[in-house]
């Protein structure tokens, strides 16, 4: 039984992934319209319904977060899942975050000192600054005011097929199966 439901804005843009239980609650409250359903049924004593796969908010705007929390995923999202040294977009399992000014030299774990890097570039840089390693940052790290509202899903295999019409392919080649919900 799939436990995820794609929540769309009133304008049909993906907003977030929620539990099917939350989607059912929102549907019964009239706050969402069910657009797609899974084959699985939810049975209660008085009613049986299909599990919602894709729902759309019926009214209102999407709330914005006022502060972006520092986390590995948010750093990767800020940097577009792209190594900030070689510029290559990679899957989450192929990335880590790098202290631009190494911790050994007093570098802090803060937005302005952390950049997404692939493992080969991170190994090449080592405990040196980018200048000392002969490397250049694609973009200087910064503290974002906001992040994209849409999650980047790292593999087409991670999403249910019923969501695919609501998602845009972001890959550059046949071997790149990352997508971004459109």
C-alpha atoms as a PDB file:
ATOM      1  CA  UNK A   1       0.000   0.000   0.000  1.00  0.00           C
ATOM      2  CA  UNK A   2       1.577   3.288  -1.079  1.00  0.00           C
ATOM      3  CA  UNK A   3       1.681   5.847   1.683  1.00  0.00           C
ATOM      4  CA  UNK A   4       2.417   9.011  -0.296  1.00  0.00           C
ATOM      5  CA  UNK A   5       0.132  11.518  -1.983  1.00  0.00           C
ATOM      6  CA  UNK A   6       1.307  14.349  -4.239  1.00  0.00           C
ATOM      7  CA  UNK A   7      -0.253  17.666  -3.166  1.00  0.00           C
ATOM      8  CA  UNK A   8      -0.649  20.274  -5.925  1.00  0.00           C
ATOM      9  CA  UNK A   9      -1.279  23.995  -5.556  1.00  0.00           C
ATOM     10  CA  UNK A  10      -4.575  25.399  -6.868  1.00  0.00           C
ATOM     11  CA  UNK A  11      -2.617  26.183 -10.065  1.00  0.00           C
ATOM     12  CA  UNK A  12      -1.652  22.519 -10.563  1.00  0.00           C
ATOM     13  CA  UNK A  13       1.995  22.945  -9.540  1.00  0.00           C
ATOM     14  CA  UNK A  14       3.352  20.319  -7.155  1.00  0.00           C
ATOM     15  CA  UNK A  15       3.783  21.665  -3.647  1.00  0.00           C
ATOM     16  CA  UNK A  16       4.759  18.736  -1.439  1.00  0.00           C
ATOM     17  CA  UNK A  17       4.327  15.069  -0.678  1.00  0.00           C
ATOM     18  CA  UNK A  18       1.915  14.239   2.134  1.00  0.00           C
ATOM     19  CA  UNK A  19       0.620  11.041   3.705  1.00  0.00           C
ATOM     20  CA  UNK A  20      -2.501   9.466   2.217  1.00  0.00           C
ATOM     21  CA  UNK A  21      -4.152   9.873   5.643  1.00  0.00           C
ATOM     22  CA  UNK A  22      -3.640  13.652   5.507  1.00  0.00           C
ATOM     23  CA  UNK A  23      -4.960  13.689   1.924  1.00  0.00           C
ATOM     24  CA  UNK A  24      -8.143  11.838   2.977  1.00  0.00           C
ATOM     25  CA  UNK A  25      -8.672  14.297   5.842  1.00  0.00           C
ATOM     26  CA  UNK A  26      -8.214  17.292   3.528  1.00  0.00           C
ATOM     27  CA  UNK A  27     -10.611  15.751   0.987  1.00  0.00           C
ATOM     28  CA  UNK A  28     -13.335  15.204   3.583  1.00  0.00           C
ATOM     29  CA  UNK A  29     -12.870  18.801   4.781  1.00  0.00           C
ATOM     30  CA  UNK A  30     -13.306  19.994   1.179  1.00  0.00           C
ATOM     31  CA  UNK A  31      -9.839  21.536   1.072  1.00  0.00           C
ATOM     32  CA  UNK A  32      -8.535  19.367  -1.779  1.00  0.00           C
ATOM     33  CA  UNK A  33      -9.877  17.792  -4.929  1.00  0.00           C
ATOM     34  CA  UNK A  34      -8.754  14.219  -5.614  1.00  0.00           C
ATOM     35  CA  UNK A  35      -7.339  14.033  -9.149  1.00  0.00           C
ATOM     36  CA  UNK A  36      -5.755  10.563  -9.192  1.00  0.00           C
ATOM     37  CA  UNK A  37      -6.254   7.463  -7.080  1.00  0.00           C
ATOM     38  CA  UNK A  38      -4.284   4.309  -6.355  1.00  0.00           C
ATOM     39  CA  UNK A  39      -5.937   0.912  -6.798  1.00  0.00           C
ATOM     40  CA  UNK A  40      -5.740   0.303  -3.028  1.00  0.00           C
ATOM     41  CA  UNK A  41      -8.977   0.879  -1.156  1.00  0.00           C
ATOM     42  CA  UNK A  42      -9.487   2.275   2.314  1.00  0.00           C
ATOM     43  CA  UNK A  43     -12.373   0.577   4.107  1.00  0.00           C
ATOM     44  CA  UNK A  44     -14.276   2.005   7.051  1.00  0.00           C
ATOM     45  CA  UNK A  45     -17.490   0.626   8.562  1.00  0.00           C
ATOM     46  CA  UNK A  46     -19.680   3.028   6.582  1.00  0.00           C
ATOM     47  CA  UNK A  47     -17.639   3.830   3.472  1.00  0.00           C
ATOM     48  CA  UNK A  48     -14.940   2.467   1.166  1.00  0.00           C
ATOM     49  CA  UNK A  49     -12.811   4.847  -0.909  1.00  0.00           C
ATOM     50  CA  UNK A  50      -9.733   4.530  -3.065  1.00  0.00           C
ATOM     51  CA  UNK A  51      -6.477   5.861  -1.678  1.00  0.00           C
ATOM     52  CA  UNK A  52      -5.680   9.339  -3.107  1.00  0.00           C
ATOM     53  CA  UNK A  53      -2.512   9.508  -5.229  1.00  0.00           C
ATOM     54  CA  UNK A  54      -2.664  13.142  -6.434  1.00  0.00           C
ATOM     55  CA  UNK A  55      -4.735  15.929  -4.859  1.00  0.00           C
ATOM     56  CA  UNK A  56      -5.089  19.649  -5.633  1.00  0.00           C
ATOM     57  CA  UNK A  57      -5.744  22.405  -3.116  1.00  0.00           C
ATOM     58  CA  UNK A  58      -9.109  23.959  -3.949  1.00  0.00           C
ATOM     59  CA  UNK A  59      -8.369  27.488  -2.762  1.00  0.00           C
ATOM     60  CA  UNK A  60      -5.868  29.783  -1.157  1.00  0.00           C
ATOM     61  CA  UNK A  61      -2.199  30.381  -1.579  1.00  0.00           C
ATOM     62  CA  UNK A  62       0.704  28.273  -0.514  1.00  0.00           C
ATOM     63  CA  UNK A  63       2.313  29.310   2.749  1.00  0.00           C
ATOM     64  CA  UNK A  64       5.930  30.356   2.540  1.00  0.00           C
ATOM     65  CA  UNK A  65       8.488  29.385   5.134  1.00  0.00           C
ATOM     66  CA  UNK A  66       9.964  32.421   6.824  1.00  0.00           C
ATOM     67  CA  UNK A  67      13.331  30.871   7.654  1.00  0.00           C
ATOM     68  CA  UNK A  68      15.287  28.216   5.797  1.00  0.00           C
ATOM     69  CA  UNK A  69      16.683  25.637   8.203  1.00  0.00           C
ATOM     70  CA  UNK A  70      20.276  24.540   7.663  1.00  0.00           C
ATOM     71  CA  UNK A  71      20.415  20.874   6.647  1.00  0.00           C
ATOM     72  CA  UNK A  72      22.291  18.680   4.192  1.00  0.00           C
ATOM     73  CA  UNK A  73      19.186  18.369   1.975  1.00  0.00           C
ATOM     74  CA  UNK A  74      18.639  22.142   1.976  1.00  0.00           C
ATOM     75  CA  UNK A  75      22.289  22.765   1.023  1.00  0.00           C
ATOM     76  CA  UNK A  76      21.925  20.305  -1.876  1.00  0.00           C
ATOM     77  CA  UNK A  77      18.650  21.973  -2.884  1.00  0.00           C
ATOM     78  CA  UNK A  78      20.190  25.468  -2.744  1.00  0.00           C
ATOM     79  CA  UNK A  79      23.008  24.257  -5.010  1.00  0.00           C
ATOM     80  CA  UNK A  80      20.677  22.396  -7.388  1.00  0.00           C
ATOM     81  CA  UNK A  81      22.255  18.996  -6.595  1.00  0.00           C
ATOM     82  CA  UNK A  82      25.314  20.228  -8.495  1.00  0.00           C
ATOM     83  CA  UNK A  83      28.932  19.991  -7.339  1.00  0.00           C
ATOM     84  CA  UNK A  84      30.094  23.551  -6.761  1.00  0.00           C
ATOM     85  CA  UNK A  85      33.621  22.690  -7.943  1.00  0.00           C
ATOM     86  CA  UNK A  86      33.169  20.712 -11.175  1.00  0.00           C
ATOM     87  CA  UNK A  87      29.592  21.840 -11.893  1.00  0.00           C
ATOM     88  CA  UNK A  88      28.257  18.331 -12.537  1.00  0.00           C
ATOM     89  CA  UNK A  89      24.740  17.496 -11.332  1.00  0.00           C
ATOM     90  CA  UNK A  90      24.692  14.243  -9.352  1.00  0.00           C
ATOM     91  CA  UNK A  91      22.394  12.054  -7.316  1.00  0.00           C
ATOM     92  CA  UNK A  92      22.157  12.616  -3.594  1.00  0.00           C
ATOM     93  CA  UNK A  93      24.189   9.481  -2.817  1.00  0.00           C
ATOM     94  CA  UNK A  94      27.057  10.898  -4.901  1.00  0.00           C
ATOM     95  CA  UNK A  95      27.219  14.208  -3.021  1.00  0.00           C
ATOM     96  CA  UNK A  96      28.415  15.508   0.296  1.00  0.00           C
ATOM     97  CA  UNK A  97      28.941  18.954   1.644  1.00  0.00           C
ATOM     98  CA  UNK A  98      32.309  20.634   1.854  1.00  0.00           C
ATOM     99  CA  UNK A  99      33.626  23.270   4.234  1.00  0.00           C
ATOM    100  CA  UNK A 100      35.073  25.935   1.901  1.00  0.00           C
ATOM    101  CA  UNK A 101      37.311  27.107   4.737  1.00  0.00           C
ATOM    102  CA  UNK A 102      38.256  23.773   6.354  1.00  0.00           C
ATOM    103  CA  UNK A 103      37.189  23.116   9.922  1.00  0.00           C
ATOM    104  CA  UNK A 104      40.849  22.560  10.816  1.00  0.00           C
ATOM    105  CA  UNK A 105      41.351  26.242  10.017  1.00  0.00           C
ATOM    106  CA  UNK A 106      38.359  27.491  11.964  1.00  0.00           C
ATOM    107  CA  UNK A 107      35.768  27.124   9.214  1.00  0.00           C
ATOM    108  CA  UNK A 108      32.243  26.910  10.609  1.00  0.00           C
ATOM    109  CA  UNK A 109      29.340  24.725   9.526  1.00  0.00           C
ATOM    110  CA  UNK A 110      27.172  27.612   8.316  1.00  0.00           C
ATOM    111  CA  UNK A 111      25.422  28.419   5.030  1.00  0.00           C
ATOM    112  CA  UNK A 112      28.164  30.824   3.942  1.00  0.00           C
ATOM    113  CA  UNK A 113      30.943  28.211   4.359  1.00  0.00           C
ATOM    114  CA  UNK A 114      29.274  25.030   3.050  1.00  0.00           C
ATOM    115  CA  UNK A 115      29.146  24.039  -0.628  1.00  0.00           C
ATOM    116  CA  UNK A 116      27.806  20.902  -2.291  1.00  0.00           C
ATOM    117  CA  UNK A 117      30.610  18.750  -3.659  1.00  0.00           C
ATOM    118  CA  UNK A 118      30.990  15.384  -5.323  1.00  0.00           C
ATOM    119  CA  UNK A 119      33.295  12.878  -3.666  1.00  0.00           C
ATOM    120  CA  UNK A 120      36.125  13.166  -6.245  1.00  0.00           C
ATOM    121  CA  UNK A 121      36.231  16.981  -5.920  1.00  0.00           C
ATOM    122  CA  UNK A 122      36.006  16.774  -2.139  1.00  0.00           C
ATOM    123  CA  UNK A 123      38.941  14.335  -2.081  1.00  0.00           C
ATOM    124  CA  UNK A 124      40.930  16.553  -4.457  1.00  0.00           C
ATOM    125  CA  UNK A 125      40.343  19.640  -2.317  1.00  0.00           C
ATOM    126  CA  UNK A 126      41.120  17.860   0.940  1.00  0.00           C
ATOM    127  CA  UNK A 127      41.780  20.114   3.942  1.00  0.00           C
ATOM    128  CA  UNK A 128      42.775  23.072   1.787  1.00  0.00           C
ATOM    129  CA  UNK A 129      40.950  26.157   0.616  1.00  0.00           C
ATOM    130  CA  UNK A 130      39.751  26.093  -3.004  1.00  0.00           C
ATOM    131  CA  UNK A 131      42.535  28.532  -3.958  1.00  0.00           C
ATOM    132  CA  UNK A 132      45.219  26.320  -2.401  1.00  0.00           C
ATOM    133  CA  UNK A 133      43.816  23.279  -4.214  1.00  0.00           C
ATOM    134  CA  UNK A 134      43.710  25.141  -7.547  1.00  0.00           C
ATOM    135  CA  UNK A 135      39.912  24.867  -7.673  1.00  0.00           C
ATOM    136  CA  UNK A 136      37.247  27.485  -8.246  1.00  0.00           C
ATOM    137  CA  UNK A 137      33.708  27.550  -6.859  1.00  0.00           C
ATOM    138  CA  UNK A 138      30.893  27.662  -9.426  1.00  0.00           C
ATOM    139  CA  UNK A 139      29.005  29.888  -6.983  1.00  0.00           C
ATOM    140  CA  UNK A 140      29.994  31.299  -3.608  1.00  0.00           C
ATOM    141  CA  UNK A 141      27.910  29.746  -0.796  1.00  0.00           C
ATOM    142  CA  UNK A 142      25.190  31.960   0.665  1.00  0.00           C
ATOM    143  CA  UNK A 143      22.338  31.811   3.138  1.00  0.00           C
ATOM    144  CA  UNK A 144      19.148  31.467   1.062  1.00  0.00           C
ATOM    145  CA  UNK A 145      16.050  33.461   1.919  1.00  0.00           C
ATOM    146  CA  UNK A 146      13.865  30.751   0.360  1.00  0.00           C
ATOM    147  CA  UNK A 147      14.271  27.409  -1.339  1.00  0.00           C
ATOM    148  CA  UNK A 148      12.297  26.021  -4.268  1.00  0.00           C
ATOM    149  CA  UNK A 149       8.834  24.987  -3.091  1.00  0.00           C
ATOM    150  CA  UNK A 150       9.001  21.863  -5.211  1.00  0.00           C
ATOM    151  CA  UNK A 151      11.068  18.932  -4.069  1.00  0.00           C
ATOM    152  CA  UNK A 152      13.687  17.494  -6.342  1.00  0.00           C
ATOM    153  CA  UNK A 153      13.144  13.763  -6.485  1.00  0.00           C
ATOM    154  CA  UNK A 154      16.420  12.003  -7.155  1.00  0.00           C
ATOM    155  CA  UNK A 155      15.182   9.047  -9.183  1.00  0.00           C
ATOM    156  CA  UNK A 156      12.219   8.278 -11.393  1.00  0.00           C
ATOM    157  CA  UNK A 157      12.090   4.951  -9.549  1.00  0.00           C
ATOM    158  CA  UNK A 158      11.162   6.859  -6.353  1.00  0.00           C
ATOM    159  CA  UNK A 159       7.856   8.177  -7.644  1.00  0.00           C
ATOM    160  CA  UNK A 160       4.634   6.326  -8.328  1.00  0.00           C
ATOM    161  CA  UNK A 161       3.768   6.118 -12.051  1.00  0.00           C
ATOM    162  CA  UNK A 162       0.484   7.972 -11.419  1.00  0.00           C
ATOM    163  CA  UNK A 163       2.505  11.123 -10.503  1.00  0.00           C
ATOM    164  CA  UNK A 164       4.544  11.217 -13.730  1.00  0.00           C
ATOM    165  CA  UNK A 165       2.106  13.450 -15.644  1.00  0.00           C
ATOM    166  CA  UNK A 166       2.648  16.077 -12.942  1.00  0.00           C
ATOM    167  CA  UNK A 167       6.446  15.891 -13.055  1.00  0.00           C
ATOM    168  CA  UNK A 168       8.994  17.325 -15.490  1.00  0.00           C
ATOM    169  CA  UNK A 169      12.150  15.501 -16.515  1.00  0.00           C
ATOM    170  CA  UNK A 170      15.202  17.447 -15.512  1.00  0.00           C
ATOM    171  CA  UNK A 171      17.915  15.089 -16.733  1.00  0.00           C
ATOM    172  CA  UNK A 172      20.396  15.896 -19.449  1.00  0.00           C
ATOM    173  CA  UNK A 173      20.828  12.444 -20.884  1.00  0.00           C
ATOM    174  CA  UNK A 174      19.404   8.968 -21.043  1.00  0.00           C
ATOM    175  CA  UNK A 175      21.389   7.855 -18.009  1.00  0.00           C
ATOM    176  CA  UNK A 176      20.201  10.795 -15.896  1.00  0.00           C
ATOM    177  CA  UNK A 177      16.875   9.875 -14.322  1.00  0.00           C
ATOM    178  CA  UNK A 178      16.454  12.762 -11.865  1.00  0.00           C
ATOM    179  CA  UNK A 179      13.199  14.640 -12.126  1.00  0.00           C
ATOM    180  CA  UNK A 180      11.769  17.748 -10.619  1.00  0.00           C
ATOM    181  CA  UNK A 181       8.112  18.031  -9.922  1.00  0.00           C
ATOM    182  CA  UNK A 182       6.932  20.642 -12.398  1.00  0.00           C
END
